[in-house]
Amino acid sequence: VKFIKNSFLDLAVPELKTVLSKQEESGVLSIEDIPVNWRRYESLPASSPRSRAEIRTAHGGIEPPSATPKAKDAPGPFVRTKVISATVLSGLVAPRPQQPAGASESATGLAYGSALHALLEYRHAAARDVLSTLPGAELLNERQLIADRDRILAHPAVVAALAMPAVQPEWPFALLLTSPLADSNANLLVRGKADLFAVDGSCARIVDYKSGAMPSPELLCAYRAQLALYVCAVKNAYRDVSDVSASLVFTSTAEIVGPLSETELMKRIRKLSYKDVVAE
């Protein structure tokens, strides 16, 4: 909640502060707490004759004008809404391999990844000025950080995104998935932040940076699921966008990987239980 209040969402999605405040106070949300334009997200099967625009028109939460006031409906069934991060949800749909007891990413590795992300976010600022604001950055190899930053900024996927007229580093989003779980009618409100987002008319690009080299197949699948959630969020937030390109760029090697398909992502989420989600 603190992150949301201090983010771009203060301007972009003011309703989210109200929603998250209610969740913070009560620990749970009902569907009535969610703004109407967030209440529907459908995965469109490839074989469906309806276009995505038709689905959004049908389920966009906007009621047609009525000549007479509508009688107040009786309260409907209670529907839980679980707030979950895109990182956590992607880790559930593509479980990561168990690490040996006591094994974890080193503090230096985490600091290096954070510093590199900061240099990419503030690419126009002097590297030394950016690093001076980060705790522990004086212990890192500044020359290597700058070399990694420049290699990523020269990557074709990043160059294409930065050339678009509207560019947003660290793009925050909220995506409501309506009753996506197999054993519950609960909704999921997914929060996340893409490293780089750009849009030009009906086209959008997402780039997410991952520190290091290509990981294990299991971890790579989790990363691809996370990227697929970003794609869903863009399609839900920008109704005029029909072409979304999304890429994972690994900072050590500049290798690039795309997201899971939307169909595969929703299929994996459908296999989760409410207990799985609440446990996180």
Protein backbone atom coordinates (compact mmCIF):
# COMPACT_ATOMS: atom_id res chain seq x y z
CA VAL A 1 0.00 0.00 0.00
CA LYS A 2 2.82 2.41 0.80
CA PHE A 3 4.35 1.69 -2.61
CA ILE A 4 1.09 2.45 -4.40
CA LYS A 5 0.57 5.72 -2.53
CA ASN A 6 4.01 6.92 -3.53
CA SER A 7 3.80 5.85 -7.16
CA PHE A 8 2.62 6.99 -10.54
CA LEU A 9 -0.74 5.38 -9.66
CA ASP A 10 -1.56 8.39 -7.46
CA LEU A 11 -2.21 10.19 -10.73
CA ALA A 12 -3.13 7.32 -13.04
CA VAL A 13 -5.53 5.21 -10.93
CA PRO A 14 -6.75 7.17 -7.90
CA GLU A 15 -9.48 4.59 -7.23
CA LEU A 16 -6.82 2.04 -6.34
CA LYS A 17 -5.89 3.91 -3.15
CA THR A 18 -9.46 3.60 -1.91
CA VAL A 19 -9.61 -0.10 -2.79
CA LEU A 20 -6.31 -0.90 -1.08
CA SER A 21 -7.19 1.18 1.97
CA LYS A 22 -10.34 -0.91 2.47
CA GLN A 23 -8.31 -4.09 2.07
CA GLU A 24 -5.76 -2.80 4.61
CA GLU A 25 -8.50 -2.03 7.15
CA SER A 26 -10.60 -5.17 6.80
CA GLY A 27 -8.16 -7.68 5.33
CA VAL A 28 -10.61 -8.60 2.57
CA LEU A 29 -12.50 -7.00 -0.30
CA SER A 30 -15.90 -7.63 -1.84
CA ILE A 31 -16.53 -7.20 -5.54
CA GLU A 32 -18.50 -4.04 -4.76
CA ASP A 33 -15.24 -2.41 -3.60
CA ILE A 34 -13.72 -2.73 -7.07
CA PRO A 35 -14.34 0.09 -9.60
CA VAL A 36 -16.72 -1.12 -12.30
CA ASN A 37 -14.22 -0.73 -15.11
CA TRP A 38 -11.90 -3.24 -13.37
CA ARG A 39 -14.48 -5.97 -12.93
CA ARG A 40 -13.92 -7.95 -16.09
CA TYR A 41 -10.92 -9.50 -17.73
CA GLU A 42 -11.47 -12.36 -20.17
CA SER A 43 -8.95 -14.50 -21.94
CA LEU A 44 -10.12 -14.69 -25.55
CA PRO A 45 -9.75 -18.20 -27.06
CA ALA A 46 -8.18 -18.18 -30.48
CA SER A 47 -11.21 -20.00 -31.90
CA SER A 48 -13.74 -17.50 -30.57
CA PRO A 49 -15.66 -15.65 -33.28
CA ARG A 50 -15.97 -12.56 -31.07
CA SER A 51 -13.31 -9.90 -31.16
CA ARG A 52 -11.67 -8.62 -27.98
CA ALA A 53 -13.32 -5.26 -28.63
CA GLU A 54 -16.74 -6.96 -28.63
CA ILE A 55 -15.99 -8.70 -25.34
CA ARG A 56 -14.88 -5.44 -23.76
CA THR A 57 -17.98 -3.69 -25.05
CA ALA A 58 -20.15 -6.42 -23.57
CA HIS A 59 -18.35 -6.64 -20.24
CA GLY A 60 -16.69 -3.27 -19.74
CA GLY A 61 -18.79 -2.48 -16.68
CA ILE A 62 -20.65 0.42 -18.33
CA GLU A 63 -24.40 0.14 -18.05
CA PRO A 64 -26.61 1.43 -20.91
CA PRO A 65 -28.70 4.51 -20.12
CA SER A 66 -32.10 3.75 -18.66
CA ALA A 67 -35.24 5.87 -18.92
CA THR A 68 -36.35 4.90 -15.41
CA PRO A 69 -34.28 4.55 -12.24
CA LYS A 70 -33.31 0.96 -11.56
CA ALA A 71 -34.57 -0.56 -8.31
CA LYS A 72 -31.83 -1.36 -5.84
CA ASP A 73 -30.78 -4.97 -6.24
CA ALA A 74 -30.66 -7.36 -3.32
CA PRO A 75 -27.10 -7.99 -2.08
CA GLY A 76 -25.36 -10.62 -4.16
CA PRO A 77 -23.10 -13.42 -2.89
CA PHE A 78 -19.94 -12.31 -1.15
CA VAL A 79 -16.90 -12.47 -3.44
CA ARG A 80 -13.38 -12.29 -2.03
CA THR A 81 -10.66 -10.35 -3.81
CA LYS A 82 -7.08 -11.26 -3.07
CA VAL A 83 -4.40 -8.63 -3.75
CA ILE A 84 -1.26 -10.34 -5.06
CA SER A 85 1.92 -9.19 -6.79
CA ALA A 86 2.72 -10.27 -10.34
CA THR A 87 6.02 -11.71 -9.10
CA VAL A 88 4.30 -13.93 -6.52
CA LEU A 89 1.56 -15.08 -8.89
CA SER A 90 4.07 -15.95 -11.61
CA GLY A 91 6.01 -17.98 -9.07
CA LEU A 92 2.85 -19.93 -8.25
CA VAL A 93 1.92 -20.74 -11.85
CA ALA A 94 5.51 -21.80 -12.61
CA PRO A 95 7.03 -23.11 -9.36
CA ARG A 96 10.69 -22.34 -9.00
CA PRO A 97 13.17 -25.09 -8.09
CA GLN A 98 13.89 -25.53 -4.41
CA GLN A 99 17.19 -24.03 -3.36
CA PRO A 100 19.50 -25.92 -0.99
CA ALA A 101 19.09 -24.98 2.66
CA GLY A 102 20.81 -21.69 3.36
CA ALA A 103 21.32 -20.88 -0.32
CA SER A 104 20.15 -17.51 -1.58
CA GLU A 105 21.25 -14.76 -3.90
CA SER A 106 24.17 -12.87 -2.39
CA ALA A 107 23.73 -9.36 -1.03
CA THR A 108 26.24 -8.17 -3.63
CA GLY A 109 24.20 -9.78 -6.42
CA LEU A 110 21.00 -8.12 -5.23
CA ALA A 111 22.73 -4.76 -4.89
CA TYR A 112 24.21 -5.09 -8.39
CA GLY A 113 20.79 -5.87 -9.87
CA SER A 114 19.19 -2.92 -8.09
CA ALA A 115 21.96 -0.56 -9.18
CA LEU A 116 21.72 -1.68 -12.81
CA HIS A 117 17.93 -1.22 -12.83
CA ALA A 118 18.41 2.29 -11.41
CA LEU A 119 20.93 3.17 -14.11
CA LEU A 120 18.51 1.96 -16.78
CA GLU A 121 15.58 3.84 -15.25
CA TYR A 122 17.55 7.11 -14.99
CA ARG A 123 19.47 6.59 -18.21
CA HIS A 124 19.84 10.32 -18.91
CA ALA A 125 21.46 11.06 -15.55
CA ALA A 126 25.16 10.74 -14.81
CA ALA A 127 25.88 7.21 -13.59
CA ARG A 128 27.88 8.43 -10.59
CA ASP A 129 25.01 10.67 -9.46
CA VAL A 130 22.55 7.75 -9.65
CA LEU A 131 24.86 5.35 -7.83
CA SER A 132 25.58 7.89 -5.08
CA THR A 133 21.94 7.62 -3.97
CA LEU A 134 22.07 3.82 -3.53
CA PRO A 135 23.29 2.26 -0.27
CA GLY A 136 26.26 -0.05 -0.79
CA ALA A 137 26.84 1.04 -4.40
CA GLU A 138 30.37 2.16 -3.54
CA LEU A 139 31.27 -1.54 -3.19
CA LEU A 140 30.17 -2.34 -6.75
CA ASN A 141 32.17 -2.21 -9.98
CA GLU A 142 30.98 1.07 -11.48
CA ARG A 143 32.73 0.49 -14.79
CA GLN A 144 31.06 -2.91 -15.21
CA LEU A 145 27.66 -1.47 -14.30
CA ILE A 146 27.97 1.24 -16.95
CA ALA A 147 29.10 -1.30 -19.56
CA ASP A 148 26.09 -3.53 -18.77
CA ARG A 149 23.74 -0.53 -18.92
CA ASP A 150 25.07 0.58 -22.29
CA ARG A 151 24.82 -2.94 -23.72
CA ILE A 152 21.16 -3.19 -22.66
CA LEU A 153 20.30 0.28 -23.98
CA ALA A 154 21.76 -0.74 -27.34
CA HIS A 155 19.57 -3.86 -27.54
CA PRO A 156 17.11 -3.65 -30.49
CA ALA A 157 14.08 -4.31 -28.26
CA VAL A 158 15.05 -1.46 -25.92
CA VAL A 159 15.96 0.89 -28.77
CA ALA A 160 12.56 0.27 -30.40
CA ALA A 161 10.72 0.98 -27.14
CA LEU A 162 12.66 4.15 -26.38
CA ALA A 163 11.97 5.47 -29.89
CA MET A 164 8.20 5.49 -29.26
CA PRO A 165 6.55 8.83 -28.40
CA ALA A 166 5.23 7.83 -24.94
CA VAL A 167 7.75 6.06 -22.68
CA GLN A 168 7.24 5.17 -19.01
CA PRO A 169 10.07 3.55 -17.02
CA GLU A 170 8.91 1.54 -13.99
CA TRP A 171 5.30 1.41 -15.26
CA PRO A 172 2.95 0.39 -12.39
CA PHE A 173 -0.33 -1.38 -13.02
CA ALA A 174 -3.28 -3.12 -11.38
CA LEU A 175 -5.07 -5.94 -13.18
CA LEU A 176 -8.29 -7.56 -11.95
CA LEU A 177 -8.72 -11.22 -12.87
CA THR A 178 -12.36 -12.19 -12.32
CA SER A 179 -12.87 -15.66 -10.77
CA PRO A 180 -9.75 -17.17 -12.39
CA LEU A 181 -9.31 -20.02 -9.87
CA ALA A 182 -10.73 -23.51 -10.33
CA ASP A 183 -12.08 -24.05 -6.81
CA SER A 184 -13.27 -20.55 -5.86
CA ASN A 185 -15.16 -17.55 -7.20
CA ALA A 186 -12.53 -15.27 -5.66
CA ASN A 187 -10.99 -12.53 -7.77
CA LEU A 188 -7.31 -11.67 -7.99
CA LEU A 189 -6.14 -8.06 -8.05
CA VAL A 190 -2.65 -8.33 -9.51
CA ARG A 191 -0.19 -5.49 -8.90
CA GLY A 192 3.11 -5.10 -10.67
CA LYS A 193 5.65 -2.80 -12.24
CA ALA A 194 7.25 -3.25 -15.66
CA ASP A 195 10.78 -1.93 -16.10
CA LEU A 196 10.01 -0.18 -19.38
CA PHE A 197 6.69 0.49 -21.12
CA ALA A 198 6.12 2.45 -24.32
CA VAL A 199 3.08 3.07 -26.50
CA ASP A 200 2.48 4.53 -29.94
CA GLY A 201 -1.15 4.49 -31.09
CA SER A 202 -2.27 0.86 -31.35
CA CYS A 203 1.23 -0.54 -30.64
CA ALA A 204 2.87 -1.04 -27.25
CA ARG A 205 6.17 -2.47 -26.08
CA ILE A 206 7.20 -3.88 -22.72
CA VAL A 207 10.78 -4.63 -21.72
CA ASP A 208 11.66 -6.27 -18.42
CA TYR A 209 15.28 -6.51 -17.35
CA LYS A 210 16.55 -9.58 -15.53
CA SER A 211 19.92 -9.45 -13.81
CA GLY A 212 22.43 -12.09 -14.80
CA ALA A 213 22.43 -14.73 -17.51
CA MET A 214 19.74 -17.12 -18.75
CA PRO A 215 18.35 -19.00 -15.69
CA SER A 216 17.09 -22.56 -15.26
CA PRO A 217 14.07 -23.62 -17.37
CA GLU A 218 11.79 -23.51 -14.31
CA LEU A 219 12.80 -19.98 -13.35
CA LEU A 220 12.63 -18.86 -16.96
CA CYS A 221 9.03 -20.11 -17.15
CA ALA A 222 8.15 -18.02 -14.07
CA TYR A 223 9.73 -14.96 -15.69
CA ARG A 224 7.74 -15.58 -18.88
CA ALA A 225 4.52 -15.90 -16.86
CA GLN A 226 5.29 -12.58 -15.17
CA LEU A 227 5.81 -10.97 -18.58
CA ALA A 228 2.50 -12.43 -19.79
CA LEU A 229 0.73 -10.73 -16.86
CA TYR A 230 2.25 -7.43 -18.01
CA VAL A 231 0.83 -8.03 -21.50
CA CYS A 232 -2.63 -8.70 -20.05
CA ALA A 233 -2.38 -5.51 -17.98
CA VAL A 234 -1.51 -3.41 -21.04
CA LYS A 235 -4.40 -4.86 -23.06
CA ASN A 236 -6.76 -4.20 -20.17
CA ALA A 237 -5.55 -0.63 -19.54
CA TYR A 238 -5.16 0.49 -23.15
CA ARG A 239 -8.24 -0.57 -25.06
CA ASP A 240 -7.00 0.90 -28.36
CA VAL A 241 -3.78 -1.14 -28.28
CA SER A 242 -3.99 -4.24 -30.48
CA ASP A 243 -0.29 -5.07 -30.87
CA VAL A 244 1.76 -5.69 -27.71
CA SER A 245 5.39 -6.76 -27.96
CA ALA A 246 6.99 -7.96 -24.72
CA SER A 247 10.57 -9.01 -24.06
CA LEU A 248 12.76 -10.23 -21.22
CA VAL A 249 16.32 -8.96 -21.63
CA PHE A 250 19.01 -10.61 -19.52
CA THR A 251 21.53 -8.02 -18.47
CA SER A 252 24.69 -10.14 -18.56
CA THR A 253 24.21 -11.59 -22.03
CA ALA A 254 21.56 -9.39 -23.69
CA GLU A 255 19.64 -12.57 -24.58
CA ILE A 256 15.94 -12.02 -25.18
CA VAL A 257 12.88 -14.16 -24.39
CA GLY A 258 9.17 -13.60 -24.96
CA PRO A 259 6.16 -14.18 -22.65
CA LEU A 260 3.93 -17.20 -22.22
CA SER A 261 0.83 -17.04 -24.37
CA GLU A 262 -2.25 -15.59 -22.74
CA THR A 263 -4.02 -18.93 -23.15
CA GLU A 264 -1.19 -20.79 -21.40
CA LEU A 265 -1.04 -18.22 -18.60
CA MET A 266 -4.76 -18.43 -17.81
CA LYS A 267 -4.64 -22.23 -18.03
CA ARG A 268 -1.91 -22.31 -15.39
CA ILE A 269 -3.71 -19.84 -13.12
CA ARG A 270 -6.86 -21.94 -13.42
CA LYS A 271 -5.00 -24.86 -11.85
CA LEU A 272 -4.31 -22.89 -8.67
CA SER A 273 -6.51 -23.21 -5.61
CA TYR A 274 -7.61 -20.38 -3.36
CA LYS A 275 -5.52 -21.97 -0.62
CA ASP A 276 -2.42 -21.68 -2.83
CA VAL A 277 -3.00 -17.97 -3.35
CA VAL A 278 -3.91 -17.09 0.25
CA ALA A 279 -0.81 -18.88 1.55
CA GLU A 280 1.37 -16.27 -0.15
